[in-house]
Amino acid sequence: MSENIINLNKIDSTHHYIVVPRRIRGKVQKVIKPLKKVKGNCYFTCNMPHALINFIYRSVKKLGLTNSKLIFSRGTVRINNRIVHNAVSSTVLDWDLGISFIVPLKLRYNTFVTIEVADKDYSVRLIELAILIALMAHAHPLQPRKKLIEDAHRVLCLGWKSILK
């Protein structure tokens, strides 16, 4: 293969560490997380499925989020101090280290939901839907949440051409 062509299915290993904020016993503390896998500007902890890494990388490329480092890990996600299992948390890290995305541990790769797009029902992975909405929120921060969700539904059901002009 030419050195300009990057194999889409290749996931490199890395030995980087990142300091991220975590809530421990009610207080926000800095925790060191090891990053084991890297693909482009996306870094992952060791417990991310390879199929999900490929999905995230392709979504990041399509959305044009290649200017900063994106760190994906599994953990506990809270909204208004309540633990949730169907949303992805994102935090812009200090010192321009990038953006940390936290995917709930209880959200499994094989969990599907049925959504309706263009009067048809589609079965999609809930984890992909949650991650795509979080990525779209960073790519298009001025769009209303409802539009981001509708666009994520269309992408997962009809493909990227359904929202790209």
C-alpha atoms as a PDB file:
ATOM      1  CA  MET A   1       0.000   0.000   0.000  1.00  0.00           C
ATOM      2  CA  SER A   2       1.092   3.554  -0.646  1.00  0.00           C
ATOM      3  CA  GLU A   3       2.048   5.592   2.411  1.00  0.00           C
ATOM      4  CA  ASN A   4      -0.702   8.124   1.569  1.00  0.00           C
ATOM      5  CA  ILE A   5      -3.442   5.514   1.788  1.00  0.00           C
ATOM      6  CA  ILE A   6      -4.669   4.675   5.293  1.00  0.00           C
ATOM      7  CA  ASN A   7      -6.415   1.348   5.800  1.00  0.00           C
ATOM      8  CA  LEU A   8      -9.821   2.105   7.377  1.00  0.00           C
ATOM      9  CA  ASN A   9      -9.823  -1.106   9.407  1.00  0.00           C
ATOM     10  CA  LYS A  10      -6.383  -0.539  10.967  1.00  0.00           C
ATOM     11  CA  ILE A  11      -6.341   0.463  14.636  1.00  0.00           C
ATOM     12  CA  ASP A  12      -2.952   1.306  16.101  1.00  0.00           C
ATOM     13  CA  SER A  13      -1.919   0.774  19.688  1.00  0.00           C
ATOM     14  CA  THR A  14      -0.508   3.588  21.791  1.00  0.00           C
ATOM     15  CA  HIS A  15       0.826   4.155  25.289  1.00  0.00           C
ATOM     16  CA  HIS A  16      -0.461   7.638  26.063  1.00  0.00           C
ATOM     17  CA  TYR A  17      -2.015   8.824  29.303  1.00  0.00           C
ATOM     18  CA  ILE A  18      -4.463  11.660  29.808  1.00  0.00           C
ATOM     19  CA  VAL A  19      -5.623  13.578  32.884  1.00  0.00           C
ATOM     20  CA  VAL A  20      -9.428  13.823  32.932  1.00  0.00           C
ATOM     21  CA  PRO A  21     -11.874  15.189  35.517  1.00  0.00           C
ATOM     22  CA  ARG A  22     -13.942  12.555  37.356  1.00  0.00           C
ATOM     23  CA  ARG A  23     -16.444  12.802  40.173  1.00  0.00           C
ATOM     24  CA  ILE A  24     -15.226  10.751  43.132  1.00  0.00           C
ATOM     25  CA  ARG A  25     -17.368  10.772  46.289  1.00  0.00           C
ATOM     26  CA  GLY A  26     -19.101  13.975  45.229  1.00  0.00           C
ATOM     27  CA  LYS A  27     -15.911  15.906  44.415  1.00  0.00           C
ATOM     28  CA  VAL A  28     -14.379  16.533  41.005  1.00  0.00           C
ATOM     29  CA  GLN A  29     -10.839  15.174  40.913  1.00  0.00           C
ATOM     30  CA  LYS A  30      -8.271  14.686  38.173  1.00  0.00           C
ATOM     31  CA  VAL A  31      -7.657  11.056  37.232  1.00  0.00           C
ATOM     32  CA  ILE A  32      -5.008   9.593  34.928  1.00  0.00           C
ATOM     33  CA  LYS A  33      -6.490   7.337  32.222  1.00  0.00           C
ATOM     34  CA  PRO A  34      -4.422   5.093  29.957  1.00  0.00           C
ATOM     35  CA  LEU A  35      -5.177   5.327  26.243  1.00  0.00           C
ATOM     36  CA  LYS A  36      -4.507   2.033  24.470  1.00  0.00           C
ATOM     37  CA  LYS A  37      -5.842   2.488  20.931  1.00  0.00           C
ATOM     38  CA  VAL A  38      -5.546   5.318  18.420  1.00  0.00           C
ATOM     39  CA  LYS A  39      -7.107   5.940  15.036  1.00  0.00           C
ATOM     40  CA  GLY A  40      -6.394   9.313  13.444  1.00  0.00           C
ATOM     41  CA  ASN A  41      -7.073  11.988  16.075  1.00  0.00           C
ATOM     42  CA  CYS A  42      -9.295   9.624  18.126  1.00  0.00           C
ATOM     43  CA  TYR A  43      -7.879   7.943  21.235  1.00  0.00           C
ATOM     44  CA  PHE A  44      -9.613   5.084  23.060  1.00  0.00           C
ATOM     45  CA  THR A  45      -9.331   3.256  26.342  1.00  0.00           C
ATOM     46  CA  CYS A  46      -8.907  -0.498  26.227  1.00  0.00           C
ATOM     47  CA  ASN A  47     -12.587  -1.457  26.540  1.00  0.00           C
ATOM     48  CA  MET A  48     -13.935  -0.064  23.252  1.00  0.00           C
ATOM     49  CA  PRO A  49     -15.126  -2.577  20.624  1.00  0.00           C
ATOM     50  CA  HIS A  50     -13.245  -2.398  17.303  1.00  0.00           C
ATOM     51  CA  ALA A  51     -16.466  -1.976  15.303  1.00  0.00           C
ATOM     52  CA  LEU A  52     -17.362   1.028  17.464  1.00  0.00           C
ATOM     53  CA  ILE A  53     -13.885   2.531  16.971  1.00  0.00           C
ATOM     54  CA  ASN A  54     -14.353   2.310  13.197  1.00  0.00           C
ATOM     55  CA  PHE A  55     -17.818   3.900  13.454  1.00  0.00           C
ATOM     56  CA  ILE A  56     -16.480   6.777  15.595  1.00  0.00           C
ATOM     57  CA  TYR A  57     -13.505   7.399  13.306  1.00  0.00           C
ATOM     58  CA  ARG A  58     -15.661   7.549  10.176  1.00  0.00           C
ATOM     59  CA  SER A  59     -18.171   9.843  11.907  1.00  0.00           C
ATOM     60  CA  VAL A  60     -15.389  12.172  13.062  1.00  0.00           C
ATOM     61  CA  LYS A  61     -14.036  12.382   9.495  1.00  0.00           C
ATOM     62  CA  LYS A  62     -17.491  13.059   8.008  1.00  0.00           C
ATOM     63  CA  LEU A  63     -18.225  15.769  10.594  1.00  0.00           C
ATOM     64  CA  GLY A  64     -14.823  17.408  10.119  1.00  0.00           C
ATOM     65  CA  LEU A  65     -13.778  17.117  13.776  1.00  0.00           C
ATOM     66  CA  THR A  66     -10.116  16.576  12.922  1.00  0.00           C
ATOM     67  CA  ASN A  67      -8.659  19.738  14.517  1.00  0.00           C
ATOM     68  CA  SER A  68      -8.425  18.461  18.100  1.00  0.00           C
ATOM     69  CA  LYS A  69      -7.735  15.251  19.948  1.00  0.00           C
ATOM     70  CA  LEU A  70     -10.890  13.266  20.795  1.00  0.00           C
ATOM     71  CA  ILE A  71     -10.675  10.853  23.731  1.00  0.00           C
ATOM     72  CA  PHE A  72     -13.283   8.123  24.165  1.00  0.00           C
ATOM     73  CA  SER A  73     -13.621   6.104  27.349  1.00  0.00           C
ATOM     74  CA  ARG A  74     -16.247   4.163  29.281  1.00  0.00           C
ATOM     75  CA  GLY A  75     -17.554   5.318  32.651  1.00  0.00           C
ATOM     76  CA  THR A  76     -20.455   6.791  34.574  1.00  0.00           C
ATOM     77  CA  VAL A  77     -22.488   9.550  32.925  1.00  0.00           C
ATOM     78  CA  ARG A  78     -24.512  11.932  35.080  1.00  0.00           C
ATOM     79  CA  ILE A  79     -27.164  14.472  34.133  1.00  0.00           C
ATOM     80  CA  ASN A  80     -28.311  16.706  37.019  1.00  0.00           C
ATOM     81  CA  ASN A  81     -26.526  14.383  39.499  1.00  0.00           C
ATOM     82  CA  ARG A  82     -28.483  11.357  38.234  1.00  0.00           C
ATOM     83  CA  ILE A  83     -26.753   8.434  36.559  1.00  0.00           C
ATOM     84  CA  VAL A  84     -27.972   7.860  32.990  1.00  0.00           C
ATOM     85  CA  HIS A  85     -27.297   4.934  30.671  1.00  0.00           C
ATOM     86  CA  ASN A  86     -28.404   6.305  27.298  1.00  0.00           C
ATOM     87  CA  ALA A  87     -26.388   9.523  26.841  1.00  0.00           C
ATOM     88  CA  VAL A  88     -22.742  10.337  26.171  1.00  0.00           C
ATOM     89  CA  SER A  89     -20.967  12.951  28.283  1.00  0.00           C
ATOM     90  CA  SER A  90     -18.432  15.303  26.715  1.00  0.00           C
ATOM     91  CA  THR A  91     -15.976  17.673  28.374  1.00  0.00           C
ATOM     92  CA  VAL A  92     -13.487  20.064  26.817  1.00  0.00           C
ATOM     93  CA  LEU A  93     -10.233  19.355  28.645  1.00  0.00           C
ATOM     94  CA  ASP A  94      -7.907  21.978  30.103  1.00  0.00           C
ATOM     95  CA  TRP A  95      -4.721  23.112  28.326  1.00  0.00           C
ATOM     96  CA  ASP A  96      -6.136  22.308  24.862  1.00  0.00           C
ATOM     97  CA  LEU A  97      -5.706  18.588  25.458  1.00  0.00           C
ATOM     98  CA  GLY A  98      -8.834  17.825  23.453  1.00  0.00           C
ATOM     99  CA  ILE A  99     -12.373  16.676  24.135  1.00  0.00           C
ATOM    100  CA  SER A 100     -13.209  13.761  26.417  1.00  0.00           C
ATOM    101  CA  PHE A 101     -16.279  11.670  25.567  1.00  0.00           C
ATOM    102  CA  ILE A 102     -17.561   9.259  28.209  1.00  0.00           C
ATOM    103  CA  VAL A 103     -19.778   6.397  27.059  1.00  0.00           C
ATOM    104  CA  PRO A 104     -21.828   4.744  29.823  1.00  0.00           C
ATOM    105  CA  LEU A 105     -20.481   1.374  30.952  1.00  0.00           C
ATOM    106  CA  LYS A 106     -23.974  -0.126  31.064  1.00  0.00           C
ATOM    107  CA  LEU A 107     -24.673   0.840  27.454  1.00  0.00           C
ATOM    108  CA  ARG A 108     -23.882  -2.327  25.514  1.00  0.00           C
ATOM    109  CA  TYR A 109     -22.929  -2.553  21.854  1.00  0.00           C
ATOM    110  CA  ASN A 110     -25.694  -5.069  21.124  1.00  0.00           C
ATOM    111  CA  THR A 111     -28.547  -2.885  22.470  1.00  0.00           C
ATOM    112  CA  PHE A 112     -30.867  -1.812  19.654  1.00  0.00           C
ATOM    113  CA  VAL A 113     -33.692   0.723  19.483  1.00  0.00           C
ATOM    114  CA  THR A 114     -36.343   1.177  16.813  1.00  0.00           C
ATOM    115  CA  ILE A 115     -36.722   4.652  15.346  1.00  0.00           C
ATOM    116  CA  GLU A 116     -38.974   5.987  12.631  1.00  0.00           C
ATOM    117  CA  VAL A 117     -37.500   7.931   9.725  1.00  0.00           C
ATOM    118  CA  ALA A 118     -39.480   8.834   6.594  1.00  0.00           C
ATOM    119  CA  ASP A 119     -42.451   6.735   7.758  1.00  0.00           C
ATOM    120  CA  LYS A 120     -40.341   3.556   8.050  1.00  0.00           C
ATOM    121  CA  ASP A 121     -39.089   1.784  11.162  1.00  0.00           C
ATOM    122  CA  TYR A 122     -35.357   1.136  11.485  1.00  0.00           C
ATOM    123  CA  SER A 123     -33.428  -0.755  14.142  1.00  0.00           C
ATOM    124  CA  VAL A 124     -30.204   1.005  15.159  1.00  0.00           C
ATOM    125  CA  ARG A 125     -27.590   0.537  17.878  1.00  0.00           C
ATOM    126  CA  LEU A 126     -28.321   2.806  20.839  1.00  0.00           C
ATOM    127  CA  ILE A 127     -24.611   3.296  21.570  1.00  0.00           C
ATOM    128  CA  GLU A 128     -23.957   4.534  18.006  1.00  0.00           C
ATOM    129  CA  LEU A 129     -26.947   6.889  18.215  1.00  0.00           C
ATOM    130  CA  ALA A 130     -25.767   8.399  21.526  1.00  0.00           C
ATOM    131  CA  ILE A 131     -22.181   8.851  20.308  1.00  0.00           C
ATOM    132  CA  LEU A 132     -23.271  10.357  16.997  1.00  0.00           C
ATOM    133  CA  ILE A 133     -25.507  12.918  18.740  1.00  0.00           C
ATOM    134  CA  ALA A 134     -22.595  13.918  21.023  1.00  0.00           C
ATOM    135  CA  LEU A 135     -20.214  14.263  18.055  1.00  0.00           C
ATOM    136  CA  MET A 136     -22.774  16.290  16.088  1.00  0.00           C
ATOM    137  CA  ALA A 137     -23.237  18.608  19.082  1.00  0.00           C
ATOM    138  CA  HIS A 138     -19.518  19.459  18.923  1.00  0.00           C
ATOM    139  CA  ALA A 139     -19.465  19.746  15.127  1.00  0.00           C
ATOM    140  CA  HIS A 140     -22.564  22.012  15.028  1.00  0.00           C
ATOM    141  CA  PRO A 141     -22.797  23.756  18.428  1.00  0.00           C
ATOM    142  CA  LEU A 142     -25.357  26.333  17.270  1.00  0.00           C
ATOM    143  CA  GLN A 143     -27.929  23.836  16.008  1.00  0.00           C
ATOM    144  CA  PRO A 144     -30.856  23.019  18.294  1.00  0.00           C
ATOM    145  CA  ARG A 145     -30.731  19.646  20.048  1.00  0.00           C
ATOM    146  CA  LYS A 146     -33.861  18.447  18.235  1.00  0.00           C
ATOM    147  CA  LYS A 147     -32.216  19.008  14.833  1.00  0.00           C
ATOM    148  CA  LEU A 148     -29.070  17.133  15.947  1.00  0.00           C
ATOM    149  CA  ILE A 149     -31.178  14.155  17.021  1.00  0.00           C
ATOM    150  CA  GLU A 150     -33.141  14.161  13.752  1.00  0.00           C
ATOM    151  CA  ASP A 151     -29.909  14.330  11.736  1.00  0.00           C
ATOM    152  CA  ALA A 152     -28.389  11.470  13.743  1.00  0.00           C
ATOM    153  CA  HIS A 153     -31.501   9.372  13.070  1.00  0.00           C
ATOM    154  CA  ARG A 154     -31.250  10.067   9.337  1.00  0.00           C
ATOM    155  CA  VAL A 155     -27.533   9.267   9.196  1.00  0.00           C
ATOM    156  CA  LEU A 156     -27.931   5.920  10.952  1.00  0.00           C
ATOM    157  CA  CYS A 157     -30.972   4.929   8.867  1.00  0.00           C
ATOM    158  CA  LEU A 158     -30.365   6.499   5.463  1.00  0.00           C
ATOM    159  CA  GLY A 159     -26.637   7.257   5.409  1.00  0.00           C
ATOM    160  CA  TRP A 160     -24.529  10.419   5.429  1.00  0.00           C
ATOM    161  CA  LYS A 161     -25.821  11.604   2.043  1.00  0.00           C
ATOM    162  CA  SER A 162     -29.205  12.224   3.645  1.00  0.00           C
ATOM    163  CA  ILE A 163     -27.834  15.233   5.627  1.00  0.00           C
ATOM    164  CA  LEU A 164     -24.784  16.353   3.645  1.00  0.00           C
ATOM    165  CA  LYS A 165     -25.439  18.863   0.898  1.00  0.00           C
END
